[in-house]
């Protein structure tokens, strides 16, 4: 009656379907070994990720500092150039006034003569 069903106790069917005890033991072994290994691997990966993030953060901080210092130098140079441009403009205005005075004197003298 049961000889054709999957519940037969023949040797070929036992190879296809291991007993529940064997299956449970295999599961327990996998849980204990893989969970500890996976936890260790996870911890190592987490440490590596933290190191990379820390290294990346340090690199970003150094880059930020370099850019900040470069920006400060550019701002200082810009201020010096602005002061120099103001001084040159004042000098240019003074020369133009002097030129207009000297140009106006001969004209007034030429008209009187």
PDB file of N, CA and C in Angstrom:
ATOM      1  N   UNK A   1       0.799  -1.172   0.000  1.00  0.00           N
ATOM      2  CA  UNK A   1       0.000   0.000   0.000  1.00  0.00           C
ATOM      3  C   UNK A   1       0.855   1.255   0.000  1.00  0.00           C
ATOM      4  N   UNK A   2       1.838   1.320   0.847  1.00  0.00           N
ATOM      5  CA  UNK A   2       2.685   2.492   0.974  1.00  0.00           C
ATOM      6  C   UNK A   2       3.972   2.350   0.202  1.00  0.00           C
ATOM      7  N   UNK A   3       4.154   1.310  -0.528  1.00  0.00           N
ATOM      8  CA  UNK A   3       5.424   1.081  -1.199  1.00  0.00           C
ATOM      9  C   UNK A   3       5.700   2.112  -2.280  1.00  0.00           C
ATOM     10  N   UNK A   4       4.691   2.672  -2.918  1.00  0.00           N
ATOM     11  CA  UNK A   4       4.908   3.649  -3.972  1.00  0.00           C
ATOM     12  C   UNK A   4       4.950   5.077  -3.467  1.00  0.00           C
ATOM     13  N   UNK A   5       4.682   5.328  -2.207  1.00  0.00           N
ATOM     14  CA  UNK A   5       4.639   6.697  -1.689  1.00  0.00           C
ATOM     15  C   UNK A   5       6.031   7.182  -1.307  1.00  0.00           C
ATOM     16  N   UNK A   6       6.141   8.462  -1.030  1.00  0.00           N
ATOM     17  CA  UNK A   6       7.432   9.042  -0.653  1.00  0.00           C
ATOM     18  C   UNK A   6       7.824   8.707   0.771  1.00  0.00           C
ATOM     19  N   UNK A   7       6.940   8.084   1.516  1.00  0.00           N
ATOM     20  CA  UNK A   7       7.222   7.741   2.901  1.00  0.00           C
ATOM     21  C   UNK A   7       7.823   6.343   3.051  1.00  0.00           C
ATOM     22  N   UNK A   8       8.213   5.769   1.964  1.00  0.00           N
ATOM     23  CA  UNK A   8       8.773   4.423   2.058  1.00  0.00           C
ATOM     24  C   UNK A   8      10.116   4.463   2.758  1.00  0.00           C
ATOM     25  N   UNK A   9      10.493   3.379   3.355  1.00  0.00           N
ATOM     26  CA  UNK A   9      11.723   3.290   4.127  1.00  0.00           C
ATOM     27  C   UNK A   9      12.845   2.667   3.326  1.00  0.00           C
ATOM     28  N   UNK A  10      12.793   2.749   2.029  1.00  0.00           N
ATOM     29  CA  UNK A  10      13.859   2.170   1.224  1.00  0.00           C
ATOM     30  C   UNK A  10      15.111   3.021   1.317  1.00  0.00           C
ATOM     31  N   UNK A  11      16.228   2.488   0.939  1.00  0.00           N
ATOM     32  CA  UNK A  11      17.507   3.190   1.049  1.00  0.00           C
ATOM     33  C   UNK A  11      17.590   4.367   0.088  1.00  0.00           C
ATOM     34  N   UNK A  12      16.947   4.281  -1.080  1.00  0.00           N
ATOM     35  CA  UNK A  12      17.016   5.376  -2.037  1.00  0.00           C
ATOM     36  C   UNK A  12      16.240   6.595  -1.547  1.00  0.00           C
ATOM     37  N   UNK A  13      15.132   6.395  -0.882  1.00  0.00           N
ATOM     38  CA  UNK A  13      14.348   7.525  -0.406  1.00  0.00           C
ATOM     39  C   UNK A  13      15.000   8.185   0.803  1.00  0.00           C
ATOM     40  N   UNK A  14      15.740   7.429   1.609  1.00  0.00           N
ATOM     41  CA  UNK A  14      16.395   8.020   2.772  1.00  0.00           C
ATOM     42  C   UNK A  14      17.531   8.941   2.344  1.00  0.00           C
ATOM     43  N   UNK A  15      18.111   8.664   1.190  1.00  0.00           N
ATOM     44  CA  UNK A  15      19.154   9.553   0.683  1.00  0.00           C
ATOM     45  C   UNK A  15      18.551  10.858   0.183  1.00  0.00           C
ATOM     46  N   UNK A  16      17.344  10.774  -0.372  1.00  0.00           N
ATOM     47  CA  UNK A  16      16.688  11.973  -0.865  1.00  0.00           C
ATOM     48  C   UNK A  16      16.184  12.835   0.277  1.00  0.00           C
ATOM     49  N   UNK A  17      15.659  12.212   1.292  1.00  0.00           N
ATOM     50  CA  UNK A  17      15.077  12.937   2.419  1.00  0.00           C
ATOM     51  C   UNK A  17      15.764  12.502   3.708  1.00  0.00           C
ATOM     52  N   UNK A  18      16.728  13.270   4.215  1.00  0.00           N
ATOM     53  CA  UNK A  18      17.386  12.875   5.463  1.00  0.00           C
ATOM     54  C   UNK A  18      16.424  13.034   6.639  1.00  0.00           C
ATOM     55  N   UNK A  19      16.732  12.383   7.705  1.00  0.00           N
ATOM     56  CA  UNK A  19      15.853  12.428   8.872  1.00  0.00           C
ATOM     57  C   UNK A  19      15.858  13.823   9.478  1.00  0.00           C
ATOM     58  N   UNK A  20      14.856  14.132  10.239  1.00  0.00           N
ATOM     59  CA  UNK A  20      14.734  15.444  10.871  1.00  0.00           C
ATOM     60  C   UNK A  20      15.850  15.697  11.870  1.00  0.00           C
ATOM     61  N   UNK A  21      16.346  14.655  12.508  1.00  0.00           N
ATOM     62  CA  UNK A  21      17.444  14.807  13.456  1.00  0.00           C
ATOM     63  C   UNK A  21      18.687  15.311  12.731  1.00  0.00           C
ATOM     64  N   UNK A  22      18.985  14.729  11.598  1.00  0.00           N
ATOM     65  CA  UNK A  22      20.156  15.129  10.816  1.00  0.00           C
ATOM     66  C   UNK A  22      19.980  16.567  10.320  1.00  0.00           C
ATOM     67  N   UNK A  23      18.791  16.884   9.858  1.00  0.00           N
ATOM     68  CA  UNK A  23      18.530  18.233   9.357  1.00  0.00           C
ATOM     69  C   UNK A  23      18.693  19.257  10.476  1.00  0.00           C
ATOM     70  N   UNK A  24      18.142  18.946  11.655  1.00  0.00           N
ATOM     71  CA  UNK A  24      18.253  19.868  12.787  1.00  0.00           C
ATOM     72  C   UNK A  24      19.698  20.029  13.240  1.00  0.00           C
ATOM     73  N   UNK A  25      20.461  18.945  13.255  1.00  0.00           N
ATOM     74  CA  UNK A  25      21.876  19.038  13.630  1.00  0.00           C
ATOM     75  C   UNK A  25      22.647  19.896  12.628  1.00  0.00           C
ATOM     76  N   UNK A  26      22.358  19.700  11.347  1.00  0.00           N
ATOM     77  CA  UNK A  26      23.038  20.513  10.337  1.00  0.00           C
ATOM     78  C   UNK A  26      22.692  21.987  10.494  1.00  0.00           C
ATOM     79  N   UNK A  27      21.439  22.273  10.782  1.00  0.00           N
ATOM     80  CA  UNK A  27      21.027  23.667  10.996  1.00  0.00           C
ATOM     81  C   UNK A  27      21.736  24.277  12.194  1.00  0.00           C
ATOM     82  N   UNK A  28      21.810  23.513  13.273  1.00  0.00           N
ATOM     83  CA  UNK A  28      22.475  24.019  14.469  1.00  0.00           C
ATOM     84  C   UNK A  28      23.956  24.266  14.214  1.00  0.00           C
ATOM     85  N   UNK A  29      24.588  23.359  13.504  1.00  0.00           N
ATOM     86  CA  UNK A  29      26.002  23.534  13.182  1.00  0.00           C
ATOM     87  C   UNK A  29      26.197  24.769  12.304  1.00  0.00           C
ATOM     88  N   UNK A  30      25.346  24.930  11.321  1.00  0.00           N
ATOM     89  CA  UNK A  30      25.458  26.101  10.451  1.00  0.00           C
ATOM     90  C   UNK A  30      25.251  27.382  11.238  1.00  0.00           C
ATOM     91  N   UNK A  31      24.270  27.378  12.149  1.00  0.00           N
ATOM     92  CA  UNK A  31      23.999  28.580  12.937  1.00  0.00           C
ATOM     93  C   UNK A  31      25.186  28.942  13.811  1.00  0.00           C
ATOM     94  N   UNK A  32      25.735  27.969  14.494  1.00  0.00           N
ATOM     95  CA  UNK A  32      26.830  28.273  15.411  1.00  0.00           C
ATOM     96  C   UNK A  32      28.081  28.683  14.665  1.00  0.00           C
ATOM     97  N   UNK A  33      28.426  27.975  13.618  1.00  0.00           N
ATOM     98  CA  UNK A  33      29.675  28.303  12.929  1.00  0.00           C
ATOM     99  C   UNK A  33      29.523  29.544  12.069  1.00  0.00           C
ATOM    100  N   UNK A  34      28.453  29.628  11.303  1.00  0.00           N
ATOM    101  CA  UNK A  34      28.325  30.771  10.402  1.00  0.00           C
ATOM    102  C   UNK A  34      27.979  32.046  11.143  1.00  0.00           C
ATOM    103  N   UNK A  35      27.206  31.943  12.212  1.00  0.00           N
ATOM    104  CA  UNK A  35      26.852  33.173  12.916  1.00  0.00           C
ATOM    105  C   UNK A  35      28.089  33.781  13.567  1.00  0.00           C
ATOM    106  N   UNK A  36      28.953  32.938  14.164  1.00  0.00           N
ATOM    107  CA  UNK A  36      30.164  33.475  14.768  1.00  0.00           C
ATOM    108  C   UNK A  36      31.113  34.009  13.706  1.00  0.00           C
ATOM    109  N   UNK A  37      31.227  33.284  12.635  1.00  0.00           N
ATOM    110  CA  UNK A  37      32.089  33.738  11.550  1.00  0.00           C
ATOM    111  C   UNK A  37      31.519  35.007  10.939  1.00  0.00           C
ATOM    112  N   UNK A  38      30.214  35.027  10.706  1.00  0.00           N
ATOM    113  CA  UNK A  38      29.629  36.210  10.089  1.00  0.00           C
ATOM    114  C   UNK A  38      29.698  37.407  11.021  1.00  0.00           C
ATOM    115  N   UNK A  39      29.569  37.188  12.331  1.00  0.00           N
ATOM    116  CA  UNK A  39      29.698  38.299  13.274  1.00  0.00           C
ATOM    117  C   UNK A  39      31.130  38.821  13.249  1.00  0.00           C
ATOM    118  N   UNK A  40      32.084  37.907  13.210  1.00  0.00           N
ATOM    119  CA  UNK A  40      33.486  38.334  13.151  1.00  0.00           C
ATOM    120  C   UNK A  40      33.759  39.083  11.852  1.00  0.00           C
ATOM    121  N   UNK A  41      33.215  38.556  10.764  1.00  0.00           N
ATOM    122  CA  UNK A  41      33.411  39.231   9.483  1.00  0.00           C
ATOM    123  C   UNK A  41      32.726  40.587   9.491  1.00  0.00           C
ATOM    124  N   UNK A  42      31.517  40.640  10.055  1.00  0.00           N
ATOM    125  CA  UNK A  42      30.814  41.918  10.141  1.00  0.00           C
ATOM    126  C   UNK A  42      31.598  42.932  10.957  1.00  0.00           C
ATOM    127  N   UNK A  43      32.174  42.464  12.064  1.00  0.00           N
ATOM    128  CA  UNK A  43      32.967  43.373  12.900  1.00  0.00           C
ATOM    129  C   UNK A  43      34.186  43.886  12.144  1.00  0.00           C
ATOM    130  N   UNK A  44      34.853  42.994  11.420  1.00  0.00           N
ATOM    131  CA  UNK A  44      36.018  43.418  10.637  1.00  0.00           C
ATOM    132  C   UNK A  44      35.616  44.412   9.561  1.00  0.00           C
ATOM    133  N   UNK A  45      34.509  44.115   8.881  1.00  0.00           N
ATOM    134  CA  UNK A  45      34.033  45.041   7.850  1.00  0.00           C
ATOM    135  C   UNK A  45      33.664  46.383   8.442  1.00  0.00           C
ATOM    136  N   UNK A  46      33.025  46.351   9.605  1.00  0.00           N
ATOM    137  CA  UNK A  46      32.649  47.598  10.274  1.00  0.00           C
ATOM    138  C   UNK A  46      33.891  48.387  10.674  1.00  0.00           C
ATOM    139  N   UNK A  47      34.908  47.688  11.204  1.00  0.00           N
ATOM    140  CA  UNK A  47      36.161  48.366  11.557  1.00  0.00           C
ATOM    141  C   UNK A  47      36.813  48.988  10.333  1.00  0.00           C
ATOM    142  N   UNK A  48      36.846  48.216   9.233  1.00  0.00           N
ATOM    143  CA  UNK A  48      37.430  48.744   8.003  1.00  0.00           C
ATOM    144  C   UNK A  48      36.641  49.940   7.491  1.00  0.00           C
ATOM    145  N   UNK A  49      35.326  49.857   7.557  1.00  0.00           N
ATOM    146  CA  UNK A  49      34.494  50.970   7.104  1.00  0.00           C
ATOM    147  C   UNK A  49      34.744  52.207   7.962  1.00  0.00           C
ATOM    148  N   UNK A  50      34.862  51.999   9.274  1.00  0.00           N
ATOM    149  CA  UNK A  50      35.151  53.136  10.167  1.00  0.00           C
ATOM    150  C   UNK A  50      36.511  53.743   9.864  1.00  0.00           C
ATOM    151  N   UNK A  51      37.509  52.857   9.614  1.00  0.00           N
ATOM    152  CA  UNK A  51      38.840  53.363   9.272  1.00  0.00           C
ATOM    153  C   UNK A  51      38.800  54.157   7.971  1.00  0.00           C
ATOM    154  N   UNK A  52      38.076  53.626   6.983  1.00  0.00           N
ATOM    155  CA  UNK A  52      37.970  54.349   5.716  1.00  0.00           C
ATOM    156  C   UNK A  52      37.261  55.675   5.901  1.00  0.00           C
ATOM    157  N   UNK A  53      36.180  55.664   6.687  1.00  0.00           N
ATOM    158  CA  UNK A  53      35.459  56.908   6.930  1.00  0.00           C
ATOM    159  C   UNK A  53      36.342  57.902   7.677  1.00  0.00           C
ATOM    160  N   UNK A  54      37.080  57.399   8.661  1.00  0.00           N
ATOM    161  CA  UNK A  54      37.965  58.267   9.428  1.00  0.00           C
ATOM    162  C   UNK A  54      39.055  58.827   8.524  1.00  0.00           C
ATOM    163  N   UNK A  55      39.621  57.967   7.679  1.00  0.00           N
ATOM    164  CA  UNK A  55      40.660  58.419   6.751  1.00  0.00           C
ATOM    165  C   UNK A  55      40.072  59.399   5.751  1.00  0.00           C
ATOM    166  N   UNK A  56      38.874  59.112   5.285  1.00  0.00           N
ATOM    167  CA  UNK A  56      38.207  60.025   4.364  1.00  0.00           C
ATOM    168  C   UNK A  56      37.883  61.342   5.025  1.00  0.00           C
ATOM    169  N   UNK A  57      37.466  61.293   6.297  1.00  0.00           N
ATOM    170  CA  UNK A  57      37.157  62.517   7.030  1.00  0.00           C
ATOM    171  C   UNK A  57      38.425  63.338   7.254  1.00  0.00           C
ATOM    172  N   UNK A  58      39.520  62.661   7.575  1.00  0.00           N
ATOM    173  CA  UNK A  58      40.785  63.373   7.775  1.00  0.00           C
ATOM    174  C   UNK A  58      41.260  64.004   6.462  1.00  0.00           C
ATOM    175  N   UNK A  59      41.112  63.280   5.383  1.00  0.00           N
ATOM    176  CA  UNK A  59      41.507  63.822   4.078  1.00  0.00           C
ATOM    177  C   UNK A  59      40.637  65.021   3.722  1.00  0.00           C
ATOM    178  N   UNK A  60      39.340  64.920   3.985  1.00  0.00           N
ATOM    179  CA  UNK A  60      38.436  66.041   3.707  1.00  0.00           C
ATOM    180  C   UNK A  60      38.776  67.231   4.598  1.00  0.00           C
ATOM    181  N   UNK A  61      39.128  66.959   5.847  1.00  0.00           N
ATOM    182  CA  UNK A  61      39.492  68.042   6.754  1.00  0.00           C
ATOM    183  C   UNK A  61      40.762  68.747   6.283  1.00  0.00           C
ATOM    184  N   UNK A  62      41.745  67.971   5.824  1.00  0.00           N
ATOM    185  CA  UNK A  62      42.975  68.561   5.302  1.00  0.00           C
ATOM    186  C   UNK A  62      42.696  69.380   4.041  1.00  0.00           C
ATOM    187  N   UNK A  63      41.872  68.842   3.155  1.00  0.00           N
ATOM    188  CA  UNK A  63      41.510  69.566   1.944  1.00  0.00           C
ATOM    189  C   UNK A  63      40.774  70.848   2.289  1.00  0.00           C
ATOM    190  N   UNK A  64      39.867  70.770   3.263  1.00  0.00           N
ATOM    191  CA  UNK A  64      39.125  71.941   3.706  1.00  0.00           C
ATOM    192  C   UNK A  64      40.071  72.989   4.276  1.00  0.00           C
ATOM    193  N   UNK A  65      41.054  72.562   5.066  1.00  0.00           N
ATOM    194  CA  UNK A  65      42.022  73.491   5.637  1.00  0.00           C
ATOM    195  C   UNK A  65      42.860  74.151   4.545  1.00  0.00           C
ATOM    196  N   UNK A  66      43.315  73.363   3.570  1.00  0.00           N
ATOM    197  CA  UNK A  66      44.104  73.928   2.471  1.00  0.00           C
ATOM    198  C   UNK A  66      43.300  74.952   1.687  1.00  0.00           C
ATOM    199  N   UNK A  67      42.046  74.615   1.392  1.00  0.00           N
ATOM    200  CA  UNK A  67      41.194  75.555   0.656  1.00  0.00           C
ATOM    201  C   UNK A  67      40.905  76.816   1.470  1.00  0.00           C
ATOM    202  N   UNK A  68      40.725  76.649   2.775  1.00  0.00           N
ATOM    203  CA  UNK A  68      40.492  77.795   3.648  1.00  0.00           C
ATOM    204  C   UNK A  68      41.698  78.726   3.634  1.00  0.00           C
ATOM    205  N   UNK A  69      42.896  78.160   3.767  1.00  0.00           N
ATOM    206  CA  UNK A  69      44.113  78.978   3.769  1.00  0.00           C
ATOM    207  C   UNK A  69      44.331  79.651   2.417  1.00  0.00           C
ATOM    208  N   UNK A  70      44.066  78.919   1.342  1.00  0.00           N
ATOM    209  CA  UNK A  70      44.191  79.513   0.012  1.00  0.00           C
ATOM    210  C   UNK A  70      43.196  80.660  -0.161  1.00  0.00           C
ATOM    211  N   UNK A  71      41.990  80.471   0.343  1.00  0.00           N
ATOM    212  CA  UNK A  71      40.977  81.522   0.277  1.00  0.00           C
ATOM    213  C   UNK A  71      41.410  82.749   1.075  1.00  0.00           C
ATOM    214  N   UNK A  72      41.989  82.517   2.245  1.00  0.00           N
ATOM    215  CA  UNK A  72      42.472  83.651   3.055  1.00  0.00           C
ATOM    216  C   UNK A  72      43.568  84.412   2.326  1.00  0.00           C
ATOM    217  N   UNK A  73      44.480  83.696   1.671  1.00  0.00           N
ATOM    218  CA  UNK A  73      45.553  84.344   0.904  1.00  0.00           C
ATOM    219  C   UNK A  73      44.973  85.158  -0.248  1.00  0.00           C
ATOM    220  N   UNK A  74      43.986  84.600  -0.930  1.00  0.00           N
ATOM    221  CA  UNK A  74      43.359  85.326  -2.045  1.00  0.00           C
ATOM    222  C   UNK A  74      42.664  86.581  -1.545  1.00  0.00           C
ATOM    223  N   UNK A  75      41.973  86.469  -0.411  1.00  0.00           N
ATOM    224  CA  UNK A  75      41.292  87.646   0.154  1.00  0.00           C
ATOM    225  C   UNK A  75      42.297  88.725   0.569  1.00  0.00           C
ATOM    226  N   UNK A  76      43.414  88.313   1.174  1.00  0.00           N
ATOM    227  CA  UNK A  76      44.434  89.286   1.577  1.00  0.00           C
ATOM    228  C   UNK A  76      45.050  89.958   0.347  1.00  0.00           C
ATOM    229  N   UNK A  77      45.338  89.169  -0.685  1.00  0.00           N
ATOM    230  CA  UNK A  77      45.891  89.739  -1.913  1.00  0.00           C
ATOM    231  C   UNK A  77      44.876  90.684  -2.564  1.00  0.00           C
ATOM    232  N   UNK A  78      43.614  90.307  -2.547  1.00  0.00           N
ATOM    233  CA  UNK A  78      42.560  91.150  -3.099  1.00  0.00           C
ATOM    234  C   UNK A  78      42.494  92.493  -2.360  1.00  0.00           C
ATOM    235  N   UNK A  79      42.633  92.458  -1.060  1.00  0.00           N
ATOM    236  CA  UNK A  79      42.613  93.701  -0.261  1.00  0.00           C
ATOM    237  C   UNK A  79      43.822  94.581  -0.595  1.00  0.00           C
ATOM    238  N   UNK A  80      45.003  93.955  -0.715  1.00  0.00           N
ATOM    239  CA  UNK A  80      46.198  94.720  -1.089  1.00  0.00           C
ATOM    240  C   UNK A  80      46.025  95.356  -2.468  1.00  0.00           C
ATOM    241  N   UNK A  81      45.490  94.593  -3.419  1.00  0.00           N
ATOM    242  CA  UNK A  81      45.283  95.125  -4.766  1.00  0.00           C
ATOM    243  C   UNK A  81      44.245  96.248  -4.775  1.00  0.00           C
ATOM    244  N   UNK A  82      43.210  96.104  -3.942  1.00  0.00           N
ATOM    245  CA  UNK A  82      42.203  97.153  -3.852  1.00  0.00           C
ATOM    246  C   UNK A  82      42.818  98.454  -3.319  1.00  0.00           C
ATOM    247  N   UNK A  83      43.664  98.320  -2.277  1.00  0.00           N
ATOM    248  CA  UNK A  83      44.323  99.505  -1.715  1.00  0.00           C
ATOM    249  C   UNK A  83      45.260 100.130  -2.749  1.00  0.00           C
ATOM    250  N   UNK A  84      45.982  99.293  -3.472  1.00  0.00           N
ATOM    251  CA  UNK A  84      46.899  99.796  -4.505  1.00  0.00           C
ATOM    252  C   UNK A  84      46.113 100.502  -5.618  1.00  0.00           C
ATOM    253  N   UNK A  85      44.964  99.930  -6.024  1.00  0.00           N
ATOM    254  CA  UNK A  85      44.141 100.557  -7.061  1.00  0.00           C
ATOM    255  C   UNK A  85      43.601 101.897  -6.586  1.00  0.00           C
ATOM    256  N   UNK A  86      43.212 101.986  -5.310  1.00  0.00           N
ATOM    257  CA  UNK A  86      42.721 103.257  -4.759  1.00  0.00           C
ATOM    258  C   UNK A  86      43.829 104.302  -4.765  1.00  0.00           C
ATOM    259  N   UNK A  87      45.042 103.880  -4.365  1.00  0.00           N
ATOM    260  CA  UNK A  87      46.172 104.815  -4.353  1.00  0.00           C
ATOM    261  C   UNK A  87      46.498 105.278  -5.775  1.00  0.00           C
ATOM    262  N   UNK A  88      46.483 104.380  -6.743  1.00  0.00           N
ATOM    263  CA  UNK A  88      46.750 104.762  -8.138  1.00  0.00           C
ATOM    264  C   UNK A  88      45.664 105.691  -8.678  1.00  0.00           C
ATOM    265  N   UNK A  89      44.428 105.455  -8.293  1.00  0.00           N
ATOM    266  CA  UNK A  89      43.340 106.338  -8.747  1.00  0.00           C
ATOM    267  C   UNK A  89      43.517 107.744  -8.184  1.00  0.00           C
ATOM    268  N   UNK A  90      43.868 107.830  -6.875  1.00  0.00           N
ATOM    269  CA  UNK A  90      44.110 109.149  -6.276  1.00  0.00           C
ATOM    270  C   UNK A  90      45.264 109.864  -6.985  1.00  0.00           C
ATOM    271  N   UNK A  91      46.340 109.098  -7.248  1.00  0.00           N
ATOM    272  CA  UNK A  91      47.486 109.677  -7.941  1.00  0.00           C
ATOM    273  C   UNK A  91      47.093 110.143  -9.348  1.00  0.00           C
ATOM    274  N   UNK A  92      46.282 109.340 -10.036  1.00  0.00           N
ATOM    275  CA  UNK A  92      45.823 109.701 -11.369  1.00  0.00           C
ATOM    276  C   UNK A  92      44.977 110.979 -11.328  1.00  0.00           C
ATOM    277  N   UNK A  93      44.079 111.088 -10.353  1.00  0.00           N
ATOM    278  CA  UNK A  93      43.264 112.301 -10.216  1.00  0.00           C
ATOM    279  C   UNK A  93      44.124 113.529  -9.928  1.00  0.00           C
ATOM    280  N   UNK A  94      45.137 113.348  -9.069  1.00  0.00           N
ATOM    281  CA  UNK A  94      46.026 114.466  -8.741  1.00  0.00           C
ATOM    282  C   UNK A  94      46.806 114.899  -9.989  1.00  0.00           C
ATOM    283  N   UNK A  95      47.292 113.931 -10.772  1.00  0.00           N
ATOM    284  CA  UNK A  95      48.011 114.275 -11.994  1.00  0.00           C
ATOM    285  C   UNK A  95      47.098 114.967 -12.999  1.00  0.00           C
ATOM    286  N   UNK A  96      45.845 114.522 -13.099  1.00  0.00           N
ATOM    287  CA  UNK A  96      44.899 115.176 -14.005  1.00  0.00           C
ATOM    288  C   UNK A  96      44.616 116.614 -13.570  1.00  0.00           C
ATOM    289  N   UNK A  97      44.465 116.834 -12.274  1.00  0.00           N
ATOM    290  CA  UNK A  97      44.254 118.210 -11.786  1.00  0.00           C
ATOM    291  C   UNK A  97      45.463 119.080 -12.068  1.00  0.00           C
ATOM    292  N   UNK A  98      46.649 118.531 -11.844  1.00  0.00           N
ATOM    293  CA  UNK A  98      47.885 119.267 -12.110  1.00  0.00           C
ATOM    294  C   UNK A  98      48.000 119.578 -13.600  1.00  0.00           C
ATOM    295  N   UNK A  99      47.643 118.608 -14.429  1.00  0.00           N
ATOM    296  CA  UNK A  99      47.697 118.808 -15.864  1.00  0.00           C
ATOM    297  C   UNK A  99      46.689 119.857 -16.312  1.00  0.00           C
ATOM    298  N   UNK A 100      45.513 119.839 -15.743  1.00  0.00           N
ATOM    299  CA  UNK A 100      44.494 120.823 -16.128  1.00  0.00           C
ATOM    300  C   UNK A 100      44.894 122.227 -15.675  1.00  0.00           C
ATOM    301  N   UNK A 101      45.578 122.349 -14.524  1.00  0.00           N
ATOM    302  CA  UNK A 101      46.051 123.666 -14.058  1.00  0.00           C
ATOM    303  C   UNK A 101      47.136 124.185 -14.989  1.00  0.00           C
ATOM    304  N   UNK A 102      48.084 123.316 -15.354  1.00  0.00           N
ATOM    305  CA  UNK A 102      49.185 123.765 -16.215  1.00  0.00           C
ATOM    306  C   UNK A 102      48.681 124.053 -17.620  1.00  0.00           C
ATOM    307  N   UNK A 103      47.681 123.335 -18.070  1.00  0.00           N
ATOM    308  CA  UNK A 103      47.130 123.584 -19.400  1.00  0.00           C
ATOM    309  C   UNK A 103      46.295 124.865 -19.393  1.00  0.00           C
ATOM    310  N   UNK A 104      45.665 125.200 -18.285  1.00  0.00           N
ATOM    311  CA  UNK A 104      44.820 126.374 -18.182  1.00  0.00           C
ATOM    312  C   UNK A 104      45.689 127.650 -18.073  1.00  0.00           C
ATOM    313  N   UNK A 105      46.835 127.593 -17.480  1.00  0.00           N
ATOM    314  CA  UNK A 105      47.714 128.775 -17.309  1.00  0.00           C
ATOM    315  C   UNK A 105      48.183 129.304 -18.658  1.00  0.00           C
ATOM    316  N   UNK A 106      48.725 128.500 -19.588  1.00  0.00           N
ATOM    317  CA  UNK A 106      49.163 129.064 -20.864  1.00  0.00           C
ATOM    318  C   UNK A 106      48.004 129.614 -21.679  1.00  0.00           C
ATOM    319  N   UNK A 107      46.832 129.012 -21.590  1.00  0.00           N
ATOM    320  CA  UNK A 107      45.688 129.513 -22.337  1.00  0.00           C
ATOM    321  C   UNK A 107      45.301 130.883 -21.850  1.00  0.00           C
ATOM    322  N   UNK A 108      45.310 131.059 -20.540  1.00  0.00           N
ATOM    323  CA  UNK A 108      44.974 132.358 -19.987  1.00  0.00           C
ATOM    324  C   UNK A 108      46.043 133.392 -20.353  1.00  0.00           C
ATOM    325  N   UNK A 109      47.297 132.960 -20.357  1.00  0.00           N
ATOM    326  CA  UNK A 109      48.404 133.856 -20.758  1.00  0.00           C
ATOM    327  C   UNK A 109      48.368 134.180 -22.232  1.00  0.00           C
ATOM    328  N   UNK A 110      47.969 133.238 -23.057  1.00  0.00           N
ATOM    329  CA  UNK A 110      47.914 133.462 -24.500  1.00  0.00           C
ATOM    330  C   UNK A 110      46.766 134.383 -24.842  1.00  0.00           C
ATOM    331  N   UNK A 111      45.699 134.343 -24.117  1.00  0.00           N
ATOM    332  CA  UNK A 111      44.570 135.213 -24.378  1.00  0.00           C
ATOM    333  C   UNK A 111      44.833 136.637 -23.959  1.00  0.00           C
ATOM    334  N   UNK A 112      45.682 136.853 -22.965  1.00  0.00           N
ATOM    335  CA  UNK A 112      46.000 138.189 -22.472  1.00  0.00           C
ATOM    336  C   UNK A 112      47.049 138.843 -23.343  1.00  0.00           C
ATOM    337  N   UNK A 113      47.883 138.110 -23.985  1.00  0.00           N
ATOM    338  CA  UNK A 113      48.946 138.685 -24.778  1.00  0.00           C
ATOM    339  C   UNK A 113      48.543 139.147 -26.104  1.00  0.00           C
TER     340      UNK A 113
END
